[in-house]
Amino acid sequence: MNKKALQGNSGELCQRSVSKKNGERGEEILKKFVNGWLDTGLLWLSAVLIPVWLMVIFKTAMSEPDVVYCMSDIYSYAHEKGLIIFLLLSQLFIINHIKYEMRVAVLVRKKSMKSFWLSLCKKIFLQVGLFVLYVFVLVTAYGVTHFQWKCNWRELNSNAYAQMQRPVEFEVAAWQTAGIFLIVLFAEITVMAMMIVLLWWKLSQPVYGYAVMMVLFTLEKRMTPAPVNIFFLRMCFPCTRLYYQGIRAGDEILFPLCCVAAAFVLGLFLMRRKNMLKKEAD
């Protein structure tokens, strides 16, 4: 009788084990399905919302009937007016794409924190690069079909003259403002993503880093005078500043690239010094 009881208990345990495995497998399939839909949904949302948002920007901010706008104007307006949407959508997509890498079950198998951070940075660079390229193509396509390519800041019917109420002493070629647009937008999104990941590593949730960076954006870009001026406000290149001082390599090129490098080095330091894996594994 004891033998039959043992056999019965063993069979029940096997059934429970199989049921548990099937449940975990079903849960994993459901998670993959939901993640796939999230990725697809965010891609479609970006593909639809960004062009509409840019069109609204250009129709409202660049609508003076007596002003002839040029491509050197449009990149500045696109960055200044569209940055909030670019940041919101890009960070949601990046967080959703790398959240698997930040799971405890994955983290405990990582032997080298340096390799882990390098792997995350490669994914961030790739995703940000594709996102920025998409935005750049949209802005350029709209600009070349609605505005003139050659810079006209010295002309009396230019936006530069309308804004400054005096002739501008120099002009900036469209390819130069296009390059600044690419560099600055790439740096802003990349640094924000890196800081979110680092705070995610520290606090175990991405929402904290997302909230901190958006609060910083609000303090710098949405309040006058700005209480702080450490990142977003220094990254911007509004038309009025370009009309006044042109492009400065230190402000529009070196500073953004230095911010990316600083965030990367900070990640190497924190990932190697902060041993969360042992704590979570225990």
C-alpha atoms as a PDB file:
ATOM      1  CA  MET A   1       0.000   0.000   0.000  1.00  0.00           C
ATOM      2  CA  ASN A   2       2.874   2.313   0.823  1.00  0.00           C
ATOM      3  CA  LYS A   3       4.340   1.460  -2.581  1.00  0.00           C
ATOM      4  CA  LYS A   4       1.104   2.434  -4.312  1.00  0.00           C
ATOM      5  CA  ALA A   5       0.926   5.632  -2.279  1.00  0.00           C
ATOM      6  CA  LEU A   6       4.486   6.517  -3.245  1.00  0.00           C
ATOM      7  CA  GLN A   7       3.733   5.821  -6.901  1.00  0.00           C
ATOM      8  CA  GLY A   8       0.640   7.993  -6.665  1.00  0.00           C
ATOM      9  CA  ASN A   9       2.555  10.855  -5.059  1.00  0.00           C
ATOM     10  CA  SER A  10       5.303  10.542  -7.655  1.00  0.00           C
ATOM     11  CA  GLY A  11       2.800  10.668 -10.492  1.00  0.00           C
ATOM     12  CA  GLU A  12       1.105  13.694  -8.963  1.00  0.00           C
ATOM     13  CA  LEU A  13       4.441  15.488  -8.606  1.00  0.00           C
ATOM     14  CA  CYS A  14       5.295  14.712 -12.230  1.00  0.00           C
ATOM     15  CA  GLN A  15       1.943  16.074 -13.360  1.00  0.00           C
ATOM     16  CA  ARG A  16       2.475  19.229 -11.330  1.00  0.00           C
ATOM     17  CA  SER A  17       5.963  19.631 -12.761  1.00  0.00           C
ATOM     18  CA  VAL A  18       4.670  19.190 -16.316  1.00  0.00           C
ATOM     19  CA  SER A  19       1.815  21.592 -15.664  1.00  0.00           C
ATOM     20  CA  LYS A  20       4.224  24.150 -14.218  1.00  0.00           C
ATOM     21  CA  LYS A  21       6.543  23.852 -17.213  1.00  0.00           C
ATOM     22  CA  ASN A  22       3.621  24.178 -19.606  1.00  0.00           C
ATOM     23  CA  GLY A  23       2.423  27.220 -17.705  1.00  0.00           C
ATOM     24  CA  GLU A  24       5.861  28.835 -17.819  1.00  0.00           C
ATOM     25  CA  ARG A  25       6.161  28.030 -21.530  1.00  0.00           C
ATOM     26  CA  GLY A  26       2.732  29.531 -22.194  1.00  0.00           C
ATOM     27  CA  GLU A  27       3.644  32.623 -20.193  1.00  0.00           C
ATOM     28  CA  GLU A  28       6.903  32.992 -22.148  1.00  0.00           C
ATOM     29  CA  ILE A  29       5.046  32.664 -25.462  1.00  0.00           C
ATOM     30  CA  LEU A  30       2.523  35.264 -24.318  1.00  0.00           C
ATOM     31  CA  LYS A  31       5.325  37.645 -23.303  1.00  0.00           C
ATOM     32  CA  LYS A  32       7.025  37.257 -26.676  1.00  0.00           C
ATOM     33  CA  PHE A  33       3.714  37.858 -28.422  1.00  0.00           C
ATOM     34  CA  VAL A  34       3.024  41.005 -26.385  1.00  0.00           C
ATOM     35  CA  ASN A  35       6.591  42.276 -26.876  1.00  0.00           C
ATOM     36  CA  GLY A  36       6.293  41.711 -30.608  1.00  0.00           C
ATOM     37  CA  TRP A  37       3.085  43.686 -30.723  1.00  0.00           C
ATOM     38  CA  LEU A  38       4.651  46.447 -28.625  1.00  0.00           C
ATOM     39  CA  ASP A  39       7.605  46.717 -30.999  1.00  0.00           C
ATOM     40  CA  THR A  40       5.296  46.745 -34.006  1.00  0.00           C
ATOM     41  CA  GLY A  41       2.937  49.222 -32.371  1.00  0.00           C
ATOM     42  CA  LEU A  42       5.734  51.604 -31.438  1.00  0.00           C
ATOM     43  CA  LEU A  43       7.180  51.383 -34.948  1.00  0.00           C
ATOM     44  CA  TRP A  44       3.833  52.205 -36.529  1.00  0.00           C
ATOM     45  CA  LEU A  45       3.188  54.961 -33.998  1.00  0.00           C
ATOM     46  CA  SER A  46       6.544  56.552 -34.805  1.00  0.00           C
ATOM     47  CA  ALA A  47       6.065  56.082 -38.533  1.00  0.00           C
ATOM     48  CA  VAL A  48       2.717  57.875 -38.417  1.00  0.00           C
ATOM     49  CA  LEU A  49       3.077  60.394 -35.604  1.00  0.00           C
ATOM     50  CA  ILE A  50       6.486  61.864 -36.499  1.00  0.00           C
ATOM     51  CA  PRO A  51       5.587  62.905 -40.082  1.00  0.00           C
ATOM     52  CA  VAL A  52       2.298  64.399 -38.872  1.00  0.00           C
ATOM     53  CA  TRP A  53       4.051  66.246 -36.056  1.00  0.00           C
ATOM     54  CA  LEU A  54       6.706  67.621 -38.400  1.00  0.00           C
ATOM     55  CA  MET A  55       4.079  68.780 -40.862  1.00  0.00           C
ATOM     56  CA  VAL A  56       2.232  70.605 -38.078  1.00  0.00           C
ATOM     57  CA  ILE A  57       5.501  72.241 -36.976  1.00  0.00           C
ATOM     58  CA  PHE A  58       6.362  73.457 -40.444  1.00  0.00           C
ATOM     59  CA  LYS A  59       2.842  74.650 -41.161  1.00  0.00           C
ATOM     60  CA  THR A  60       2.604  76.654 -37.940  1.00  0.00           C
ATOM     61  CA  ALA A  61       6.150  77.796 -37.128  1.00  0.00           C
ATOM     62  CA  MET A  62       7.154  78.556 -40.720  1.00  0.00           C
ATOM     63  CA  SER A  63       4.013  80.157 -42.064  1.00  0.00           C
ATOM     64  CA  GLU A  64       4.926  83.814 -42.618  1.00  0.00           C
ATOM     65  CA  PRO A  65       3.665  84.614 -46.142  1.00  0.00           C
ATOM     66  CA  ASP A  66       6.328  87.202 -46.969  1.00  0.00           C
ATOM     67  CA  VAL A  67       9.253  85.135 -45.713  1.00  0.00           C
ATOM     68  CA  VAL A  68      11.259  82.746 -47.876  1.00  0.00           C
ATOM     69  CA  TYR A  69      12.554  79.897 -45.743  1.00  0.00           C
ATOM     70  CA  CYS A  70      15.619  77.814 -46.600  1.00  0.00           C
ATOM     71  CA  MET A  71      16.931  74.422 -45.553  1.00  0.00           C
ATOM     72  CA  SER A  72      19.257  76.022 -43.019  1.00  0.00           C
ATOM     73  CA  ASP A  73      16.114  77.203 -41.214  1.00  0.00           C
ATOM     74  CA  ILE A  74      14.160  73.978 -41.383  1.00  0.00           C
ATOM     75  CA  TYR A  75      16.661  71.757 -39.547  1.00  0.00           C
ATOM     76  CA  SER A  76      16.769  74.209 -36.658  1.00  0.00           C
ATOM     77  CA  TYR A  77      12.968  74.434 -36.454  1.00  0.00           C
ATOM     78  CA  ALA A  78      12.564  70.657 -36.682  1.00  0.00           C
ATOM     79  CA  HIS A  79      14.954  70.128 -33.779  1.00  0.00           C
ATOM     80  CA  GLU A  80      13.609  72.914 -31.597  1.00  0.00           C
ATOM     81  CA  LYS A  81       9.902  72.154 -32.030  1.00  0.00           C
ATOM     82  CA  GLY A  82      10.012  68.379 -32.505  1.00  0.00           C
ATOM     83  CA  LEU A  83      12.513  67.347 -29.838  1.00  0.00           C
ATOM     84  CA  ILE A  84       9.922  66.398 -27.229  1.00  0.00           C
ATOM     85  CA  ILE A  85       8.241  63.897 -29.557  1.00  0.00           C
ATOM     86  CA  PHE A  86      11.584  62.548 -30.740  1.00  0.00           C
ATOM     87  CA  LEU A  87      12.660  61.898 -27.148  1.00  0.00           C
ATOM     88  CA  LEU A  88       9.390  60.355 -25.998  1.00  0.00           C
ATOM     89  CA  LEU A  89       9.037  57.918 -28.872  1.00  0.00           C
ATOM     90  CA  SER A  90      12.698  56.943 -29.159  1.00  0.00           C
ATOM     91  CA  GLN A  91      13.076  56.181 -25.449  1.00  0.00           C
ATOM     92  CA  LEU A  92       9.899  54.097 -25.335  1.00  0.00           C
ATOM     93  CA  PHE A  93      11.160  52.058 -28.260  1.00  0.00           C
ATOM     94  CA  ILE A  94      14.663  51.626 -26.797  1.00  0.00           C
ATOM     95  CA  ILE A  95      13.354  50.647 -23.344  1.00  0.00           C
ATOM     96  CA  ASN A  96      11.016  48.066 -24.848  1.00  0.00           C
ATOM     97  CA  HIS A  97      13.794  46.701 -27.052  1.00  0.00           C
ATOM     98  CA  ILE A  98      16.429  46.186 -24.356  1.00  0.00           C
ATOM     99  CA  LYS A  99      14.235  45.224 -21.407  1.00  0.00           C
ATOM    100  CA  TYR A 100      15.034  41.538 -21.985  1.00  0.00           C
ATOM    101  CA  GLU A 101      18.728  42.295 -21.363  1.00  0.00           C
ATOM    102  CA  MET A 102      17.855  43.898 -18.015  1.00  0.00           C
ATOM    103  CA  ARG A 103      15.951  40.921 -16.620  1.00  0.00           C
ATOM    104  CA  VAL A 104      17.486  39.305 -13.517  1.00  0.00           C
ATOM    105  CA  ALA A 105      17.500  35.877 -15.158  1.00  0.00           C
ATOM    106  CA  VAL A 106      19.649  37.291 -17.950  1.00  0.00           C
ATOM    107  CA  LEU A 107      21.825  39.481 -15.749  1.00  0.00           C
ATOM    108  CA  VAL A 108      22.928  36.667 -13.457  1.00  0.00           C
ATOM    109  CA  ARG A 109      24.454  34.865 -16.447  1.00  0.00           C
ATOM    110  CA  LYS A 110      26.592  37.848 -17.425  1.00  0.00           C
ATOM    111  CA  LYS A 111      30.229  37.210 -16.522  1.00  0.00           C
ATOM    112  CA  SER A 112      31.677  40.554 -17.581  1.00  0.00           C
ATOM    113  CA  MET A 113      29.992  43.849 -16.807  1.00  0.00           C
ATOM    114  CA  LYS A 114      32.205  45.582 -19.321  1.00  0.00           C
ATOM    115  CA  SER A 115      30.983  43.294 -22.103  1.00  0.00           C
ATOM    116  CA  PHE A 116      27.405  43.730 -20.903  1.00  0.00           C
ATOM    117  CA  TRP A 117      27.631  47.532 -21.054  1.00  0.00           C
ATOM    118  CA  LEU A 118      29.362  47.435 -24.438  1.00  0.00           C
ATOM    119  CA  SER A 119      26.621  45.180 -25.774  1.00  0.00           C
ATOM    120  CA  LEU A 120      23.906  47.523 -24.479  1.00  0.00           C
ATOM    121  CA  CYS A 121      25.671  50.550 -25.965  1.00  0.00           C
ATOM    122  CA  LYS A 122      25.946  48.878 -29.366  1.00  0.00           C
ATOM    123  CA  LYS A 123      22.203  48.238 -29.363  1.00  0.00           C
ATOM    124  CA  ILE A 124      21.465  51.778 -28.235  1.00  0.00           C
ATOM    125  CA  PHE A 125      23.757  53.268 -30.905  1.00  0.00           C
ATOM    126  CA  LEU A 126      22.132  51.172 -33.615  1.00  0.00           C
ATOM    127  CA  GLN A 127      18.558  51.968 -32.600  1.00  0.00           C
ATOM    128  CA  VAL A 128      19.264  55.661 -32.105  1.00  0.00           C
ATOM    129  CA  GLY A 129      21.095  55.829 -35.416  1.00  0.00           C
ATOM    130  CA  LEU A 130      18.171  54.292 -37.289  1.00  0.00           C
ATOM    131  CA  PHE A 131      15.680  56.552 -35.522  1.00  0.00           C
ATOM    132  CA  VAL A 132      17.682  59.725 -36.202  1.00  0.00           C
ATOM    133  CA  LEU A 133      18.197  58.709 -39.834  1.00  0.00           C
ATOM    134  CA  TYR A 134      14.445  58.225 -40.247  1.00  0.00           C
ATOM    135  CA  VAL A 135      13.708  61.656 -38.786  1.00  0.00           C
ATOM    136  CA  PHE A 136      16.442  63.227 -40.910  1.00  0.00           C
ATOM    137  CA  VAL A 137      15.032  61.720 -44.116  1.00  0.00           C
ATOM    138  CA  LEU A 138      11.559  63.020 -43.277  1.00  0.00           C
ATOM    139  CA  VAL A 139      12.790  66.547 -42.504  1.00  0.00           C
ATOM    140  CA  THR A 140      14.981  66.680 -45.599  1.00  0.00           C
ATOM    141  CA  ALA A 141      12.276  65.300 -47.890  1.00  0.00           C
ATOM    142  CA  TYR A 142       9.759  67.869 -46.676  1.00  0.00           C
ATOM    143  CA  GLY A 143      12.309  70.677 -46.845  1.00  0.00           C
ATOM    144  CA  VAL A 144      13.517  70.102 -50.397  1.00  0.00           C
ATOM    145  CA  THR A 145       9.926  69.952 -51.657  1.00  0.00           C
ATOM    146  CA  HIS A 146       8.712  73.103 -49.881  1.00  0.00           C
ATOM    147  CA  PHE A 147      11.732  75.353 -49.289  1.00  0.00           C
ATOM    148  CA  GLN A 148      14.852  76.389 -51.115  1.00  0.00           C
ATOM    149  CA  TRP A 149      18.113  74.565 -50.553  1.00  0.00           C
ATOM    150  CA  LYS A 150      20.520  77.496 -50.767  1.00  0.00           C
ATOM    151  CA  CYS A 151      20.930  79.584 -47.615  1.00  0.00           C
ATOM    152  CA  ASN A 152      19.331  83.039 -48.006  1.00  0.00           C
ATOM    153  CA  TRP A 153      20.077  84.658 -44.662  1.00  0.00           C
ATOM    154  CA  ARG A 154      21.562  87.785 -46.227  1.00  0.00           C
ATOM    155  CA  GLU A 155      18.464  88.504 -48.271  1.00  0.00           C
ATOM    156  CA  LEU A 156      15.790  90.916 -47.059  1.00  0.00           C
ATOM    157  CA  ASN A 157      12.965  88.391 -47.461  1.00  0.00           C
ATOM    158  CA  SER A 158      14.711  85.709 -45.402  1.00  0.00           C
ATOM    159  CA  ASN A 159      13.630  84.411 -42.026  1.00  0.00           C
ATOM    160  CA  ALA A 160      16.947  85.629 -40.621  1.00  0.00           C
ATOM    161  CA  TYR A 161      16.116  89.211 -41.526  1.00  0.00           C
ATOM    162  CA  ALA A 162      12.548  88.828 -40.203  1.00  0.00           C
ATOM    163  CA  GLN A 163      13.793  87.519 -36.864  1.00  0.00           C
ATOM    164  CA  MET A 164      16.798  89.814 -36.364  1.00  0.00           C
ATOM    165  CA  GLN A 165      15.359  92.912 -38.068  1.00  0.00           C
ATOM    166  CA  ARG A 166      18.755  93.558 -39.620  1.00  0.00           C
ATOM    167  CA  PRO A 167      20.977  91.923 -42.249  1.00  0.00           C
ATOM    168  CA  VAL A 168      22.883  88.856 -41.090  1.00  0.00           C
ATOM    169  CA  GLU A 169      26.600  89.017 -41.692  1.00  0.00           C
ATOM    170  CA  PHE A 170      27.121  85.385 -42.664  1.00  0.00           C
ATOM    171  CA  GLU A 171      25.360  82.348 -44.039  1.00  0.00           C
ATOM    172  CA  VAL A 172      25.459  78.697 -43.018  1.00  0.00           C
ATOM    173  CA  ALA A 173      25.173  76.074 -45.728  1.00  0.00           C
ATOM    174  CA  ALA A 174      22.344  73.557 -45.567  1.00  0.00           C
ATOM    175  CA  TRP A 175      24.734  70.601 -45.306  1.00  0.00           C
ATOM    176  CA  GLN A 176      26.290  72.177 -42.214  1.00  0.00           C
ATOM    177  CA  THR A 177      22.983  72.589 -40.370  1.00  0.00           C
ATOM    178  CA  ALA A 178      22.036  69.084 -41.524  1.00  0.00           C
ATOM    179  CA  GLY A 179      25.213  67.721 -39.946  1.00  0.00           C
ATOM    180  CA  ILE A 180      24.578  69.608 -36.709  1.00  0.00           C
ATOM    181  CA  PHE A 181      21.016  68.275 -36.663  1.00  0.00           C
ATOM    182  CA  LEU A 182      22.274  64.690 -36.950  1.00  0.00           C
ATOM    183  CA  ILE A 183      25.013  65.085 -34.331  1.00  0.00           C
ATOM    184  CA  VAL A 184      22.939  66.919 -31.734  1.00  0.00           C
ATOM    185  CA  LEU A 185      19.818  64.757 -32.045  1.00  0.00           C
ATOM    186  CA  PHE A 186      21.890  61.563 -31.937  1.00  0.00           C
ATOM    187  CA  ALA A 187      23.724  62.780 -28.820  1.00  0.00           C
ATOM    188  CA  GLU A 188      20.540  63.846 -27.014  1.00  0.00           C
ATOM    189  CA  ILE A 189      18.707  60.572 -27.574  1.00  0.00           C
ATOM    190  CA  THR A 190      21.798  58.446 -26.881  1.00  0.00           C
ATOM    191  CA  VAL A 191      22.736  60.171 -23.628  1.00  0.00           C
ATOM    192  CA  MET A 192      19.146  60.062 -22.430  1.00  0.00           C
ATOM    193  CA  ALA A 193      18.949  56.329 -23.198  1.00  0.00           C
ATOM    194  CA  MET A 194      22.244  55.656 -21.402  1.00  0.00           C
ATOM    195  CA  MET A 195      21.141  57.559 -18.307  1.00  0.00           C
ATOM    196  CA  ILE A 196      17.836  55.679 -18.256  1.00  0.00           C
ATOM    197  CA  VAL A 197      19.730  52.369 -18.439  1.00  0.00           C
ATOM    198  CA  LEU A 198      22.106  53.382 -15.644  1.00  0.00           C
ATOM    199  CA  LEU A 199      19.267  54.428 -13.359  1.00  0.00           C
ATOM    200  CA  TRP A 200      17.455  51.251 -14.382  1.00  0.00           C
ATOM    201  CA  TRP A 201      20.517  49.317 -13.229  1.00  0.00           C
ATOM    202  CA  LYS A 202      20.583  51.232  -9.966  1.00  0.00           C
ATOM    203  CA  LEU A 203      16.847  51.285  -9.143  1.00  0.00           C
ATOM    204  CA  SER A 204      15.624  48.183 -11.019  1.00  0.00           C
ATOM    205  CA  GLN A 205      12.971  50.106 -12.964  1.00  0.00           C
ATOM    206  CA  PRO A 206      13.288  52.135 -16.195  1.00  0.00           C
ATOM    207  CA  VAL A 207      10.501  54.531 -15.242  1.00  0.00           C
ATOM    208  CA  TYR A 208      12.721  56.391 -12.765  1.00  0.00           C
ATOM    209  CA  GLY A 209      15.368  57.262 -15.334  1.00  0.00           C
ATOM    210  CA  TYR A 210      12.695  58.185 -17.848  1.00  0.00           C
ATOM    211  CA  ALA A 211      11.031  60.493 -15.327  1.00  0.00           C
ATOM    212  CA  VAL A 212      14.327  62.095 -14.245  1.00  0.00           C
ATOM    213  CA  MET A 213      15.350  62.895 -17.820  1.00  0.00           C
ATOM    214  CA  MET A 214      11.933  64.301 -18.717  1.00  0.00           C
ATOM    215  CA  VAL A 215      11.972  66.481 -15.590  1.00  0.00           C
ATOM    216  CA  LEU A 216      15.415  67.734 -16.618  1.00  0.00           C
ATOM    217  CA  PHE A 217      14.077  68.447 -20.101  1.00  0.00           C
ATOM    218  CA  THR A 218      11.155  70.391 -18.611  1.00  0.00           C
ATOM    219  CA  LEU A 219      13.409  72.426 -16.325  1.00  0.00           C
ATOM    220  CA  GLU A 220      15.766  73.348 -19.158  1.00  0.00           C
ATOM    221  CA  LYS A 221      13.420  73.738 -22.118  1.00  0.00           C
ATOM    222  CA  ARG A 222       9.988  74.589 -20.742  1.00  0.00           C
ATOM    223  CA  MET A 223      10.763  77.088 -17.975  1.00  0.00           C
ATOM    224  CA  THR A 224      11.853  80.703 -18.430  1.00  0.00           C
ATOM    225  CA  PRO A 225      14.360  81.474 -17.080  1.00  0.00           C
ATOM    226  CA  ALA A 226      15.663  77.921 -16.970  1.00  0.00           C
ATOM    227  CA  PRO A 227      16.610  76.828 -13.412  1.00  0.00           C
ATOM    228  CA  VAL A 228      19.363  74.585 -14.796  1.00  0.00           C
ATOM    229  CA  ASN A 229      21.502  74.633 -17.907  1.00  0.00           C
ATOM    230  CA  ILE A 230      23.540  71.439 -18.099  1.00  0.00           C
ATOM    231  CA  PHE A 231      22.383  69.387 -21.075  1.00  0.00           C
ATOM    232  CA  PHE A 232      19.277  69.973 -23.209  1.00  0.00           C
ATOM    233  CA  LEU A 233      19.505  73.753 -23.208  1.00  0.00           C
ATOM    234  CA  ARG A 234      23.145  73.601 -24.229  1.00  0.00           C
ATOM    235  CA  MET A 235      22.386  71.125 -26.996  1.00  0.00           C
ATOM    236  CA  CYS A 236      19.831  73.255 -28.823  1.00  0.00           C
ATOM    237  CA  PHE A 237      20.692  75.342 -31.872  1.00  0.00           C
ATOM    238  CA  PRO A 238      17.739  77.712 -32.420  1.00  0.00           C
ATOM    239  CA  CYS A 239      17.614  79.882 -35.506  1.00  0.00           C
ATOM    240  CA  THR A 240      18.149  83.101 -33.585  1.00  0.00           C
ATOM    241  CA  ARG A 241      21.417  81.830 -32.136  1.00  0.00           C
ATOM    242  CA  LEU A 242      22.616  80.641 -35.525  1.00  0.00           C
ATOM    243  CA  TYR A 243      21.716  84.003 -37.037  1.00  0.00           C
ATOM    244  CA  TYR A 244      23.676  85.762 -34.310  1.00  0.00           C
ATOM    245  CA  GLN A 245      26.818  83.632 -33.962  1.00  0.00           C
ATOM    246  CA  GLY A 246      26.676  80.929 -36.627  1.00  0.00           C
ATOM    247  CA  ILE A 247      27.861  77.410 -35.943  1.00  0.00           C
ATOM    248  CA  ARG A 248      30.442  76.973 -33.204  1.00  0.00           C
ATOM    249  CA  ALA A 249      32.295  73.679 -33.233  1.00  0.00           C
ATOM    250  CA  GLY A 250      32.611  73.636 -29.447  1.00  0.00           C
ATOM    251  CA  ASP A 251      28.881  74.067 -28.806  1.00  0.00           C
ATOM    252  CA  GLU A 252      27.300  72.118 -31.663  1.00  0.00           C
ATOM    253  CA  ILE A 253      29.876  69.367 -32.261  1.00  0.00           C
ATOM    254  CA  LEU A 254      32.373  68.822 -29.435  1.00  0.00           C
ATOM    255  CA  PHE A 255      29.965  69.241 -26.506  1.00  0.00           C
ATOM    256  CA  PRO A 256      27.393  66.679 -27.791  1.00  0.00           C
ATOM    257  CA  LEU A 257      30.097  64.141 -28.588  1.00  0.00           C
ATOM    258  CA  CYS A 258      31.766  64.713 -25.204  1.00  0.00           C
ATOM    259  CA  CYS A 259      28.422  64.082 -23.480  1.00  0.00           C
ATOM    260  CA  VAL A 260      28.075  60.734 -25.268  1.00  0.00           C
ATOM    261  CA  ALA A 261      31.637  59.801 -24.308  1.00  0.00           C
ATOM    262  CA  ALA A 262      31.082  60.857 -20.687  1.00  0.00           C
ATOM    263  CA  ALA A 263      27.893  58.787 -20.407  1.00  0.00           C
ATOM    264  CA  PHE A 264      29.702  55.795 -21.898  1.00  0.00           C
ATOM    265  CA  VAL A 265      32.622  56.058 -19.450  1.00  0.00           C
ATOM    266  CA  LEU A 266      30.218  56.571 -16.534  1.00  0.00           C
ATOM    267  CA  GLY A 267      28.473  53.376 -17.510  1.00  0.00           C
ATOM    268  CA  LEU A 268      31.755  51.460 -17.527  1.00  0.00           C
ATOM    269  CA  PHE A 269      32.514  52.731 -14.022  1.00  0.00           C
ATOM    270  CA  LEU A 270      29.054  52.053 -12.557  1.00  0.00           C
ATOM    271  CA  MET A 271      28.597  48.651 -14.141  1.00  0.00           C
ATOM    272  CA  ARG A 272      31.940  47.480 -12.823  1.00  0.00           C
ATOM    273  CA  ARG A 273      31.542  48.993  -9.347  1.00  0.00           C
ATOM    274  CA  LYS A 274      27.855  48.245  -8.733  1.00  0.00           C
ATOM    275  CA  ASN A 275      27.569  44.502  -8.073  1.00  0.00           C
ATOM    276  CA  MET A 276      23.833  43.923  -8.297  1.00  0.00           C
ATOM    277  CA  LEU A 277      24.117  40.512  -9.884  1.00  0.00           C
ATOM    278  CA  LYS A 278      25.437  38.766  -6.775  1.00  0.00           C
ATOM    279  CA  LYS A 279      22.688  40.291  -4.683  1.00  0.00           C
ATOM    280  CA  GLU A 280      19.967  39.272  -7.103  1.00  0.00           C
ATOM    281  CA  ALA A 281      21.426  35.786  -7.579  1.00  0.00           C
ATOM    282  CA  ASP A 282      21.432  35.144  -3.868  1.00  0.00           C
END
